[in-house]
Amino acid sequence: MCDQDILDGMATLKGGINRRQFAHLGVVAGAGATLAACTTTSDAASGGVVETAVSFAAPGGTMDGFFYHPATGKHPAVIMWPDIAGIRDAKKAMARRLAEAGYAVFLGNPYYRSAPAPQFADFEDWRANDGFAAVRPWMAQNTPEAIMETVRAVVGWLDGQAAVDSSRGIGTQGYCMTGSWTIYGLAAVPGRVKAAGSFHGGGLVGEAANAPVNMFDDVAADAHALIAIAQNDDANAPDDKVALRASADAAGLDATIEVYAGDHGWTVLDSPVYNEAEAERAWANLLALYSQL
């Protein structure tokens, strides 16, 4: 997971895509703009993607985030939780790309109980300014019970949106510390959340009854999961994938559990260990997962 040891190993690395490169590539429309609704250019088939800054009541505070969806029609919903550095341009680009693929995507602030987004300009800002010290008390607010309460509130909000096809299941994806949130999401609202994508997720395996690995019995019979493990996380905890596989099989959960040839953070655009080839493979597998919604 994204702990101090992983951070220390990334400290001297340079990589990923920075804010200037985002602007150059045009992958983030309106980067740095004030929080307001806007329509961004998409492919011809989707006819454009609508991006809206949103907020609504949720347990413990006011949830804030961004909602992305094709300009017309109803679409399966996806809850996207960012990694430890929170909502920023890299995560907005990823949410927008998913909306371009035909989904109604809520990009939520995982720290809403403590601080509105954004908390950091990008991953480098988090890394260079002792982000751990800032987020540690915020993370403490997100107990398994609190996360599940939050997911229920987000699902309720999504099902009230005109762009959401509520006859289809909801997907959820998370990165780093929120990789575990995807399993909590499956268990929190099994009647609605049907697919979970966890990427280099932390905290999936533990002895507690509410550790994600021990909650597969609580998900829907028709749920699906993609658990994508970083190679260095696997090297540090090689038995985790074995425990996850055994638990999924015992519960009858359709789960793909795989170690990728990328280090912790390899899927995230502004990560210093971003691995484009493996990130694209993970993205393709995510879309295949969501095609079952």
C-alpha atoms as a PDB file:
ATOM      1  CA  MET A   1       0.000   0.000   0.000  1.00  0.00           C
ATOM      2  CA  CYS A   2       1.052   3.677  -0.166  1.00  0.00           C
ATOM      3  CA  ASP A   3       2.953   3.796   3.125  1.00  0.00           C
ATOM      4  CA  GLN A   4       6.065   5.681   4.181  1.00  0.00           C
ATOM      5  CA  ASP A   5       8.382   2.987   2.793  1.00  0.00           C
ATOM      6  CA  ILE A   6       6.783   3.234  -0.647  1.00  0.00           C
ATOM      7  CA  LEU A   7       6.967   7.035  -0.496  1.00  0.00           C
ATOM      8  CA  ASP A   8      10.661   6.897   0.399  1.00  0.00           C
ATOM      9  CA  GLY A   9      11.307   4.651  -2.567  1.00  0.00           C
ATOM     10  CA  MET A  10       9.544   7.095  -4.890  1.00  0.00           C
ATOM     11  CA  ALA A  11      11.254  10.177  -3.492  1.00  0.00           C
ATOM     12  CA  THR A  12      14.035  10.318  -6.055  1.00  0.00           C
ATOM     13  CA  LEU A  13      11.924   9.256  -9.029  1.00  0.00           C
ATOM     14  CA  LYS A  14      10.726  11.581 -11.727  1.00  0.00           C
ATOM     15  CA  GLY A  15       7.959  10.613 -14.038  1.00  0.00           C
ATOM     16  CA  GLY A  16       4.264  10.762 -14.705  1.00  0.00           C
ATOM     17  CA  ILE A  17       2.553  13.639 -16.454  1.00  0.00           C
ATOM     18  CA  ASN A  18       2.690  17.074 -14.838  1.00  0.00           C
ATOM     19  CA  ARG A  19       0.191  19.921 -15.010  1.00  0.00           C
ATOM     20  CA  ARG A  20       1.975  21.613 -17.917  1.00  0.00           C
ATOM     21  CA  GLN A  21       1.907  18.377 -19.916  1.00  0.00           C
ATOM     22  CA  PHE A  22      -1.804  17.954 -19.161  1.00  0.00           C
ATOM     23  CA  ALA A  23      -2.457  21.358 -20.707  1.00  0.00           C
ATOM     24  CA  HIS A  24      -0.248  20.570 -23.696  1.00  0.00           C
ATOM     25  CA  LEU A  25      -1.944  17.233 -24.352  1.00  0.00           C
ATOM     26  CA  GLY A  26      -5.404  18.680 -23.842  1.00  0.00           C
ATOM     27  CA  VAL A  27      -6.462  15.820 -21.593  1.00  0.00           C
ATOM     28  CA  VAL A  28      -7.797  18.124 -18.913  1.00  0.00           C
ATOM     29  CA  ALA A  29     -10.175  20.744 -20.170  1.00  0.00           C
ATOM     30  CA  GLY A  30     -10.391  23.783 -17.945  1.00  0.00           C
ATOM     31  CA  ALA A  31      -7.586  22.723 -15.607  1.00  0.00           C
ATOM     32  CA  GLY A  32      -7.373  25.139 -12.712  1.00  0.00           C
ATOM     33  CA  ALA A  33     -10.756  26.663 -13.487  1.00  0.00           C
ATOM     34  CA  THR A  34     -13.204  27.602 -10.772  1.00  0.00           C
ATOM     35  CA  LEU A  35     -15.762  24.998  -9.724  1.00  0.00           C
ATOM     36  CA  ALA A  36     -18.494  25.387 -12.287  1.00  0.00           C
ATOM     37  CA  ALA A  37     -20.444  23.259 -14.718  1.00  0.00           C
ATOM     38  CA  CYS A  38     -18.937  22.964 -18.166  1.00  0.00           C
ATOM     39  CA  THR A  39     -19.063  20.820 -21.289  1.00  0.00           C
ATOM     40  CA  THR A  40     -15.827  19.359 -22.576  1.00  0.00           C
ATOM     41  CA  THR A  41     -14.965  18.018 -25.989  1.00  0.00           C
ATOM     42  CA  SER A  42     -15.201  14.258 -26.391  1.00  0.00           C
ATOM     43  CA  ASP A  43     -15.267  11.825 -29.276  1.00  0.00           C
ATOM     44  CA  ALA A  44     -17.878  12.139 -31.974  1.00  0.00           C
ATOM     45  CA  ALA A  45     -19.837   9.098 -30.806  1.00  0.00           C
ATOM     46  CA  SER A  46     -20.474  10.455 -27.320  1.00  0.00           C
ATOM     47  CA  GLY A  47     -21.295  13.987 -28.471  1.00  0.00           C
ATOM     48  CA  GLY A  48     -19.408  15.567 -25.606  1.00  0.00           C
ATOM     49  CA  VAL A  49     -18.990  15.044 -21.883  1.00  0.00           C
ATOM     50  CA  VAL A  50     -20.610  17.218 -19.231  1.00  0.00           C
ATOM     51  CA  GLU A  51     -18.484  18.032 -16.180  1.00  0.00           C
ATOM     52  CA  THR A  52     -20.156  19.493 -13.109  1.00  0.00           C
ATOM     53  CA  ALA A  53     -18.820  20.340  -9.667  1.00  0.00           C
ATOM     54  CA  VAL A  54     -21.298  18.917  -7.157  1.00  0.00           C
ATOM     55  CA  SER A  55     -21.898  18.717  -3.432  1.00  0.00           C
ATOM     56  CA  PHE A  56     -24.507  16.988  -1.324  1.00  0.00           C
ATOM     57  CA  ALA A  57     -25.150  15.931   2.254  1.00  0.00           C
ATOM     58  CA  ALA A  58     -23.369  12.783   3.376  1.00  0.00           C
ATOM     59  CA  PRO A  59     -22.636  11.238   6.784  1.00  0.00           C
ATOM     60  CA  GLY A  60     -20.155  13.369   8.668  1.00  0.00           C
ATOM     61  CA  GLY A  61     -20.235  16.380   6.354  1.00  0.00           C
ATOM     62  CA  THR A  62     -20.850  17.617   2.827  1.00  0.00           C
ATOM     63  CA  MET A  63     -19.549  15.396   0.050  1.00  0.00           C
ATOM     64  CA  ASP A  64     -17.910  17.329  -2.756  1.00  0.00           C
ATOM     65  CA  GLY A  65     -16.624  16.130  -6.091  1.00  0.00           C
ATOM     66  CA  PHE A  66     -17.178  16.159  -9.823  1.00  0.00           C
ATOM     67  CA  PHE A  67     -19.787  14.452 -11.974  1.00  0.00           C
ATOM     68  CA  TYR A  68     -18.944  13.464 -15.553  1.00  0.00           C
ATOM     69  CA  HIS A  69     -21.336  11.957 -18.054  1.00  0.00           C
ATOM     70  CA  PRO A  70     -22.102  11.928 -21.781  1.00  0.00           C
ATOM     71  CA  ALA A  71     -24.174  14.920 -22.825  1.00  0.00           C
ATOM     72  CA  THR A  72     -27.174  12.793 -23.785  1.00  0.00           C
ATOM     73  CA  GLY A  73     -28.813   9.612 -22.602  1.00  0.00           C
ATOM     74  CA  LYS A  74     -28.729   7.490 -19.454  1.00  0.00           C
ATOM     75  CA  HIS A  75     -25.641   5.522 -18.496  1.00  0.00           C
ATOM     76  CA  PRO A  76     -24.374   3.052 -15.893  1.00  0.00           C
ATOM     77  CA  ALA A  77     -22.930   4.884 -12.917  1.00  0.00           C
ATOM     78  CA  VAL A  78     -19.401   4.561 -11.567  1.00  0.00           C
ATOM     79  CA  ILE A  79     -17.997   5.811  -8.269  1.00  0.00           C
ATOM     80  CA  MET A  80     -14.336   6.759  -8.657  1.00  0.00           C
ATOM     81  CA  TRP A  81     -12.265   7.307  -5.531  1.00  0.00           C
ATOM     82  CA  PRO A  82      -8.855   8.965  -5.977  1.00  0.00           C
ATOM     83  CA  ASP A  83      -5.658   7.857  -4.326  1.00  0.00           C
ATOM     84  CA  ILE A  84      -4.013   9.353  -1.257  1.00  0.00           C
ATOM     85  CA  ALA A  85      -3.357  12.728  -2.956  1.00  0.00           C
ATOM     86  CA  GLY A  86      -7.072  13.323  -3.559  1.00  0.00           C
ATOM     87  CA  ILE A  87      -8.928  14.984  -6.423  1.00  0.00           C
ATOM     88  CA  ARG A  88      -6.622  16.728  -8.901  1.00  0.00           C
ATOM     89  CA  ASP A  89      -6.123  17.102 -12.653  1.00  0.00           C
ATOM     90  CA  ALA A  90      -4.836  13.549 -13.141  1.00  0.00           C
ATOM     91  CA  LYS A  91      -7.940  12.051 -11.543  1.00  0.00           C
ATOM     92  CA  LYS A  92     -10.248  14.411 -13.400  1.00  0.00           C
ATOM     93  CA  ALA A  93      -8.682  13.271 -16.672  1.00  0.00           C
ATOM     94  CA  MET A  94      -9.259   9.643 -15.743  1.00  0.00           C
ATOM     95  CA  ALA A  95     -12.884  10.304 -14.775  1.00  0.00           C
ATOM     96  CA  ARG A  96     -13.498  12.205 -17.987  1.00  0.00           C
ATOM     97  CA  ARG A  97     -12.026   9.398 -20.052  1.00  0.00           C
ATOM     98  CA  LEU A  98     -14.365   6.908 -18.393  1.00  0.00           C
ATOM     99  CA  ALA A  99     -17.337   9.163 -19.121  1.00  0.00           C
ATOM    100  CA  GLU A 100     -16.240   9.270 -22.752  1.00  0.00           C
ATOM    101  CA  ALA A 101     -16.539   5.481 -22.733  1.00  0.00           C
ATOM    102  CA  GLY A 102     -20.213   5.808 -21.826  1.00  0.00           C
ATOM    103  CA  TYR A 103     -20.436   5.997 -18.034  1.00  0.00           C
ATOM    104  CA  ALA A 104     -21.853   8.488 -15.540  1.00  0.00           C
ATOM    105  CA  VAL A 105     -18.878   8.988 -13.223  1.00  0.00           C
ATOM    106  CA  PHE A 106     -18.836  10.524  -9.767  1.00  0.00           C
ATOM    107  CA  LEU A 107     -15.304  11.481  -8.698  1.00  0.00           C
ATOM    108  CA  GLY A 108     -15.596  11.870  -4.946  1.00  0.00           C
ATOM    109  CA  ASN A 109     -13.489  13.585  -2.308  1.00  0.00           C
ATOM    110  CA  PRO A 110     -12.392  10.820   0.086  1.00  0.00           C
ATOM    111  CA  TYR A 111     -11.518  13.427   2.721  1.00  0.00           C
ATOM    112  CA  TYR A 112     -14.842  15.289   2.669  1.00  0.00           C
ATOM    113  CA  ARG A 113     -15.335  14.700   6.390  1.00  0.00           C
ATOM    114  CA  SER A 114     -12.204  16.764   7.062  1.00  0.00           C
ATOM    115  CA  ALA A 115     -11.438  19.128   4.163  1.00  0.00           C
ATOM    116  CA  PRO A 116     -12.963  20.125   0.822  1.00  0.00           C
ATOM    117  CA  ALA A 117     -11.137  19.282  -2.390  1.00  0.00           C
ATOM    118  CA  PRO A 118      -8.605  19.959  -3.702  1.00  0.00           C
ATOM    119  CA  GLN A 119      -6.122  19.307  -0.951  1.00  0.00           C
ATOM    120  CA  PHE A 120      -3.096  19.073  -3.269  1.00  0.00           C
ATOM    121  CA  ALA A 121      -2.348  20.431  -6.735  1.00  0.00           C
ATOM    122  CA  ASP A 122      -0.909  17.121  -7.923  1.00  0.00           C
ATOM    123  CA  PHE A 123       0.936  14.086  -6.655  1.00  0.00           C
ATOM    124  CA  GLU A 124       4.240  15.948  -6.612  1.00  0.00           C
ATOM    125  CA  ASP A 125       2.698  18.594  -4.346  1.00  0.00           C
ATOM    126  CA  TRP A 126       1.586  15.857  -1.951  1.00  0.00           C
ATOM    127  CA  ARG A 127       4.950  14.140  -2.110  1.00  0.00           C
ATOM    128  CA  ALA A 128       7.078  17.269  -1.670  1.00  0.00           C
ATOM    129  CA  ASN A 129       5.101  18.772   1.212  1.00  0.00           C
ATOM    130  CA  ASP A 130       4.796  15.902   3.674  1.00  0.00           C
ATOM    131  CA  GLY A 131       1.375  14.893   2.459  1.00  0.00           C
ATOM    132  CA  PHE A 132       1.282  12.010   4.900  1.00  0.00           C
ATOM    133  CA  ALA A 133       1.261  14.406   7.838  1.00  0.00           C
ATOM    134  CA  ALA A 134      -1.727  16.236   6.371  1.00  0.00           C
ATOM    135  CA  VAL A 135      -3.814  13.234   5.394  1.00  0.00           C
ATOM    136  CA  ARG A 136      -3.141  10.937   8.333  1.00  0.00           C
ATOM    137  CA  PRO A 137      -5.881  12.473  10.574  1.00  0.00           C
ATOM    138  CA  TRP A 138      -8.223  12.654   7.582  1.00  0.00           C
ATOM    139  CA  MET A 139      -7.680   8.986   6.816  1.00  0.00           C
ATOM    140  CA  ALA A 140      -8.477   8.123  10.416  1.00  0.00           C
ATOM    141  CA  GLN A 141     -12.029   9.403   9.842  1.00  0.00           C
ATOM    142  CA  ASN A 142     -12.564   6.759   7.167  1.00  0.00           C
ATOM    143  CA  THR A 143     -13.270   3.645   9.185  1.00  0.00           C
ATOM    144  CA  PRO A 144     -14.839   0.703   7.326  1.00  0.00           C
ATOM    145  CA  GLU A 145     -18.227   1.625   8.785  1.00  0.00           C
ATOM    146  CA  ALA A 146     -17.828   5.279   7.743  1.00  0.00           C
ATOM    147  CA  ILE A 147     -16.785   4.307   4.216  1.00  0.00           C
ATOM    148  CA  MET A 148     -19.854   2.114   3.819  1.00  0.00           C
ATOM    149  CA  GLU A 149     -22.115   4.911   5.079  1.00  0.00           C
ATOM    150  CA  THR A 150     -20.513   7.223   2.536  1.00  0.00           C
ATOM    151  CA  VAL A 151     -21.025   4.770  -0.312  1.00  0.00           C
ATOM    152  CA  ARG A 152     -24.704   4.448   0.551  1.00  0.00           C
ATOM    153  CA  ALA A 153     -25.092   8.224   0.380  1.00  0.00           C
ATOM    154  CA  VAL A 154     -23.276   8.419  -2.958  1.00  0.00           C
ATOM    155  CA  VAL A 155     -25.403   5.634  -4.442  1.00  0.00           C
ATOM    156  CA  GLY A 156     -28.545   7.430  -3.307  1.00  0.00           C
ATOM    157  CA  TRP A 157     -27.346  10.634  -4.940  1.00  0.00           C
ATOM    158  CA  LEU A 158     -26.380   8.904  -8.174  1.00  0.00           C
ATOM    159  CA  ASP A 159     -29.738   7.181  -8.465  1.00  0.00           C
ATOM    160  CA  GLY A 160     -31.376  10.606  -8.414  1.00  0.00           C
ATOM    161  CA  GLN A 161     -29.421  11.895 -11.413  1.00  0.00           C
ATOM    162  CA  ALA A 162     -31.053  12.088 -14.834  1.00  0.00           C
ATOM    163  CA  ALA A 163     -27.877  10.879 -16.546  1.00  0.00           C
ATOM    164  CA  VAL A 164     -27.808   7.624 -14.558  1.00  0.00           C
ATOM    165  CA  ASP A 165     -29.459   4.436 -15.782  1.00  0.00           C
ATOM    166  CA  SER A 166     -30.633   3.040 -12.457  1.00  0.00           C
ATOM    167  CA  SER A 167     -31.681  -0.229 -14.100  1.00  0.00           C
ATOM    168  CA  ARG A 168     -27.986  -1.063 -14.494  1.00  0.00           C
ATOM    169  CA  GLY A 169     -25.543  -1.922 -11.750  1.00  0.00           C
ATOM    170  CA  ILE A 170     -23.055   0.594 -10.371  1.00  0.00           C
ATOM    171  CA  GLY A 171     -19.286   0.189 -10.638  1.00  0.00           C
ATOM    172  CA  THR A 172     -16.711   1.486  -8.209  1.00  0.00           C
ATOM    173  CA  GLN A 173     -12.965   1.885  -8.527  1.00  0.00           C
ATOM    174  CA  GLY A 174     -10.245   2.974  -6.130  1.00  0.00           C
ATOM    175  CA  TYR A 175      -6.507   3.480  -5.998  1.00  0.00           C
ATOM    176  CA  CYS A 176      -3.950   3.119  -3.202  1.00  0.00           C
ATOM    177  CA  MET A 177      -5.776   3.693   0.087  1.00  0.00           C
ATOM    178  CA  THR A 178      -9.188   3.614  -1.665  1.00  0.00           C
ATOM    179  CA  GLY A 179      -8.572   0.273  -3.329  1.00  0.00           C
ATOM    180  CA  SER A 180     -10.194  -1.287  -0.267  1.00  0.00           C
ATOM    181  CA  TRP A 181     -13.152   1.084  -0.604  1.00  0.00           C
ATOM    182  CA  THR A 182     -14.276  -0.788  -3.691  1.00  0.00           C
ATOM    183  CA  ILE A 183     -14.913  -3.977  -1.714  1.00  0.00           C
ATOM    184  CA  TYR A 184     -16.654  -1.992   1.006  1.00  0.00           C
ATOM    185  CA  GLY A 185     -18.797  -0.533  -1.768  1.00  0.00           C
ATOM    186  CA  LEU A 186     -19.831  -3.969  -3.009  1.00  0.00           C
ATOM    187  CA  ALA A 187     -20.791  -4.954   0.526  1.00  0.00           C
ATOM    188  CA  ALA A 188     -22.463  -1.668   1.469  1.00  0.00           C
ATOM    189  CA  VAL A 189     -25.092  -1.687  -1.289  1.00  0.00           C
ATOM    190  CA  PRO A 190     -25.094  -5.168  -2.837  1.00  0.00           C
ATOM    191  CA  GLY A 191     -28.382  -4.494  -4.563  1.00  0.00           C
ATOM    192  CA  ARG A 192     -26.802  -1.676  -6.602  1.00  0.00           C
ATOM    193  CA  VAL A 193     -22.994  -1.895  -6.602  1.00  0.00           C
ATOM    194  CA  LYS A 194     -22.045  -4.795  -8.853  1.00  0.00           C
ATOM    195  CA  ALA A 195     -18.455  -4.246  -9.994  1.00  0.00           C
ATOM    196  CA  ALA A 196     -15.299  -3.209  -8.159  1.00  0.00           C
ATOM    197  CA  GLY A 197     -11.889  -2.306  -9.569  1.00  0.00           C
ATOM    198  CA  SER A 198      -9.065  -2.037  -7.017  1.00  0.00           C
ATOM    199  CA  PHE A 199      -5.720  -0.751  -8.298  1.00  0.00           C
ATOM    200  CA  HIS A 200      -2.564  -1.071  -6.174  1.00  0.00           C
ATOM    201  CA  GLY A 201      -4.941  -1.044  -3.230  1.00  0.00           C
ATOM    202  CA  GLY A 202      -3.884  -1.075   0.386  1.00  0.00           C
ATOM    203  CA  GLY A 203      -5.571  -2.668   3.361  1.00  0.00           C
ATOM    204  CA  LEU A 204      -7.316  -5.458   1.461  1.00  0.00           C
ATOM    205  CA  VAL A 205      -6.097  -8.273   3.675  1.00  0.00           C
ATOM    206  CA  GLY A 206      -6.333  -8.493   7.460  1.00  0.00           C
ATOM    207  CA  GLU A 207      -7.610 -10.579  10.333  1.00  0.00           C
ATOM    208  CA  ALA A 208     -10.535  -8.360  11.316  1.00  0.00           C
ATOM    209  CA  ALA A 209     -14.033  -9.424  10.338  1.00  0.00           C
ATOM    210  CA  ASN A 210     -14.433  -6.165   8.403  1.00  0.00           C
ATOM    211  CA  ALA A 211     -11.189  -6.507   6.453  1.00  0.00           C
ATOM    212  CA  PRO A 212     -12.149  -6.505   2.750  1.00  0.00           C
ATOM    213  CA  VAL A 213     -10.793 -10.040   2.256  1.00  0.00           C
ATOM    214  CA  ASN A 214     -13.332 -11.239   4.836  1.00  0.00           C
ATOM    215  CA  MET A 215     -16.322  -9.429   3.320  1.00  0.00           C
ATOM    216  CA  PHE A 216     -16.752 -11.263   0.028  1.00  0.00           C
ATOM    217  CA  ASP A 217     -19.690 -13.213   1.466  1.00  0.00           C
ATOM    218  CA  ASP A 218     -21.561  -9.905   1.819  1.00  0.00           C
ATOM    219  CA  VAL A 219     -21.529  -8.944  -1.870  1.00  0.00           C
ATOM    220  CA  ALA A 220     -24.174  -9.744  -4.468  1.00  0.00           C
ATOM    221  CA  ALA A 221     -24.153 -13.117  -6.204  1.00  0.00           C
ATOM    222  CA  ASP A 222     -23.804 -11.343  -9.558  1.00  0.00           C
ATOM    223  CA  ALA A 223     -20.969  -9.048  -8.468  1.00  0.00           C
ATOM    224  CA  HIS A 224     -17.580  -8.921 -10.191  1.00  0.00           C
ATOM    225  CA  ALA A 225     -14.195  -7.698  -9.010  1.00  0.00           C
ATOM    226  CA  LEU A 226     -10.848  -6.784 -10.541  1.00  0.00           C
ATOM    227  CA  ILE A 227      -8.000  -6.638  -8.023  1.00  0.00           C
ATOM    228  CA  ALA A 228      -4.864  -5.337  -9.716  1.00  0.00           C
ATOM    229  CA  ILE A 229      -1.795  -5.635  -7.484  1.00  0.00           C
ATOM    230  CA  ALA A 230       1.475  -3.721  -7.899  1.00  0.00           C
ATOM    231  CA  GLN A 231       4.574  -5.837  -8.270  1.00  0.00           C
ATOM    232  CA  ASN A 232       6.361  -4.205  -5.340  1.00  0.00           C
ATOM    233  CA  ASP A 233       3.288  -4.535  -3.121  1.00  0.00           C
ATOM    234  CA  ASP A 234       3.232  -8.218  -4.031  1.00  0.00           C
ATOM    235  CA  ALA A 235       6.921  -8.556  -3.216  1.00  0.00           C
ATOM    236  CA  ASN A 236       6.266  -7.058   0.226  1.00  0.00           C
ATOM    237  CA  ALA A 237       3.177  -9.195   0.921  1.00  0.00           C
ATOM    238  CA  PRO A 238       3.201 -12.210  -1.431  1.00  0.00           C
ATOM    239  CA  ASP A 239       0.555 -14.078   0.558  1.00  0.00           C
ATOM    240  CA  ASP A 240      -2.098 -11.369   0.053  1.00  0.00           C
ATOM    241  CA  LYS A 241      -3.031 -12.518  -3.439  1.00  0.00           C
ATOM    242  CA  VAL A 242      -3.345 -16.082  -2.158  1.00  0.00           C
ATOM    243  CA  ALA A 243      -5.668 -15.011   0.655  1.00  0.00           C
ATOM    244  CA  LEU A 244      -7.772 -12.895  -1.709  1.00  0.00           C
ATOM    245  CA  ARG A 245      -8.079 -15.758  -4.214  1.00  0.00           C
ATOM    246  CA  ALA A 246      -9.072 -18.256  -1.542  1.00  0.00           C
ATOM    247  CA  SER A 247     -11.674 -15.917  -0.049  1.00  0.00           C
ATOM    248  CA  ALA A 248     -13.168 -15.030  -3.430  1.00  0.00           C
ATOM    249  CA  ASP A 249     -13.414 -18.679  -4.425  1.00  0.00           C
ATOM    250  CA  ALA A 250     -14.996 -19.641  -1.109  1.00  0.00           C
ATOM    251  CA  ALA A 251     -17.620 -16.910  -1.520  1.00  0.00           C
ATOM    252  CA  GLY A 252     -18.255 -17.672  -5.189  1.00  0.00           C
ATOM    253  CA  LEU A 253     -17.210 -14.153  -6.181  1.00  0.00           C
ATOM    254  CA  ASP A 254     -16.202 -13.683  -9.817  1.00  0.00           C
ATOM    255  CA  ALA A 255     -12.847 -12.014  -9.184  1.00  0.00           C
ATOM    256  CA  THR A 256      -9.779 -11.463 -11.318  1.00  0.00           C
ATOM    257  CA  ILE A 257      -6.745 -11.104  -9.057  1.00  0.00           C
ATOM    258  CA  GLU A 258      -3.508 -10.290 -10.840  1.00  0.00           C
ATOM    259  CA  VAL A 259      -0.073  -8.859 -10.176  1.00  0.00           C
ATOM    260  CA  TYR A 260       0.888  -6.245 -12.781  1.00  0.00           C
ATOM    261  CA  ALA A 261       4.376  -5.383 -14.004  1.00  0.00           C
ATOM    262  CA  GLY A 262       4.231  -1.953 -12.421  1.00  0.00           C
ATOM    263  CA  ASP A 263       5.059  -0.493  -9.038  1.00  0.00           C
ATOM    264  CA  HIS A 264       2.596   1.013  -6.580  1.00  0.00           C
ATOM    265  CA  GLY A 265       0.915   3.912  -8.403  1.00  0.00           C
ATOM    266  CA  TRP A 266       1.558   2.629 -11.922  1.00  0.00           C
ATOM    267  CA  THR A 267      -1.975   3.424 -13.170  1.00  0.00           C
ATOM    268  CA  VAL A 268      -2.047   7.099 -12.149  1.00  0.00           C
ATOM    269  CA  LEU A 269      -1.071   9.725 -14.715  1.00  0.00           C
ATOM    270  CA  ASP A 270       0.892  12.010 -12.399  1.00  0.00           C
ATOM    271  CA  SER A 271       2.610   9.252 -10.425  1.00  0.00           C
ATOM    272  CA  PRO A 272       6.408   9.080 -10.737  1.00  0.00           C
ATOM    273  CA  VAL A 273       6.060   5.348 -11.428  1.00  0.00           C
ATOM    274  CA  TYR A 274       3.322   5.696 -14.066  1.00  0.00           C
ATOM    275  CA  ASN A 275       3.657   2.794 -16.515  1.00  0.00           C
ATOM    276  CA  GLU A 276       1.698   3.572 -19.650  1.00  0.00           C
ATOM    277  CA  ALA A 277       1.631   0.071 -21.114  1.00  0.00           C
ATOM    278  CA  GLU A 278       0.492  -1.591 -17.902  1.00  0.00           C
ATOM    279  CA  ALA A 279      -1.874   1.294 -17.113  1.00  0.00           C
ATOM    280  CA  GLU A 280      -3.559   0.854 -20.484  1.00  0.00           C
ATOM    281  CA  ARG A 281      -3.856  -2.882 -19.918  1.00  0.00           C
ATOM    282  CA  ALA A 282      -5.441  -2.245 -16.541  1.00  0.00           C
ATOM    283  CA  TRP A 283      -7.811   0.286 -18.143  1.00  0.00           C
ATOM    284  CA  ALA A 284      -8.891  -2.207 -20.791  1.00  0.00           C
ATOM    285  CA  ASN A 285      -9.564  -4.796 -18.086  1.00  0.00           C
ATOM    286  CA  LEU A 286     -11.577  -2.223 -16.135  1.00  0.00           C
ATOM    287  CA  LEU A 287     -13.778  -1.518 -19.156  1.00  0.00           C
ATOM    288  CA  ALA A 288     -14.287  -5.245 -19.628  1.00  0.00           C
ATOM    289  CA  LEU A 289     -15.369  -5.451 -15.974  1.00  0.00           C
ATOM    290  CA  TYR A 290     -17.841  -2.613 -16.376  1.00  0.00           C
ATOM    291  CA  SER A 291     -19.288  -4.090 -19.555  1.00  0.00           C
ATOM    292  CA  GLN A 292     -20.997  -6.588 -17.229  1.00  0.00           C
ATOM    293  CA  LEU A 293     -22.964  -3.904 -15.371  1.00  0.00           C
END
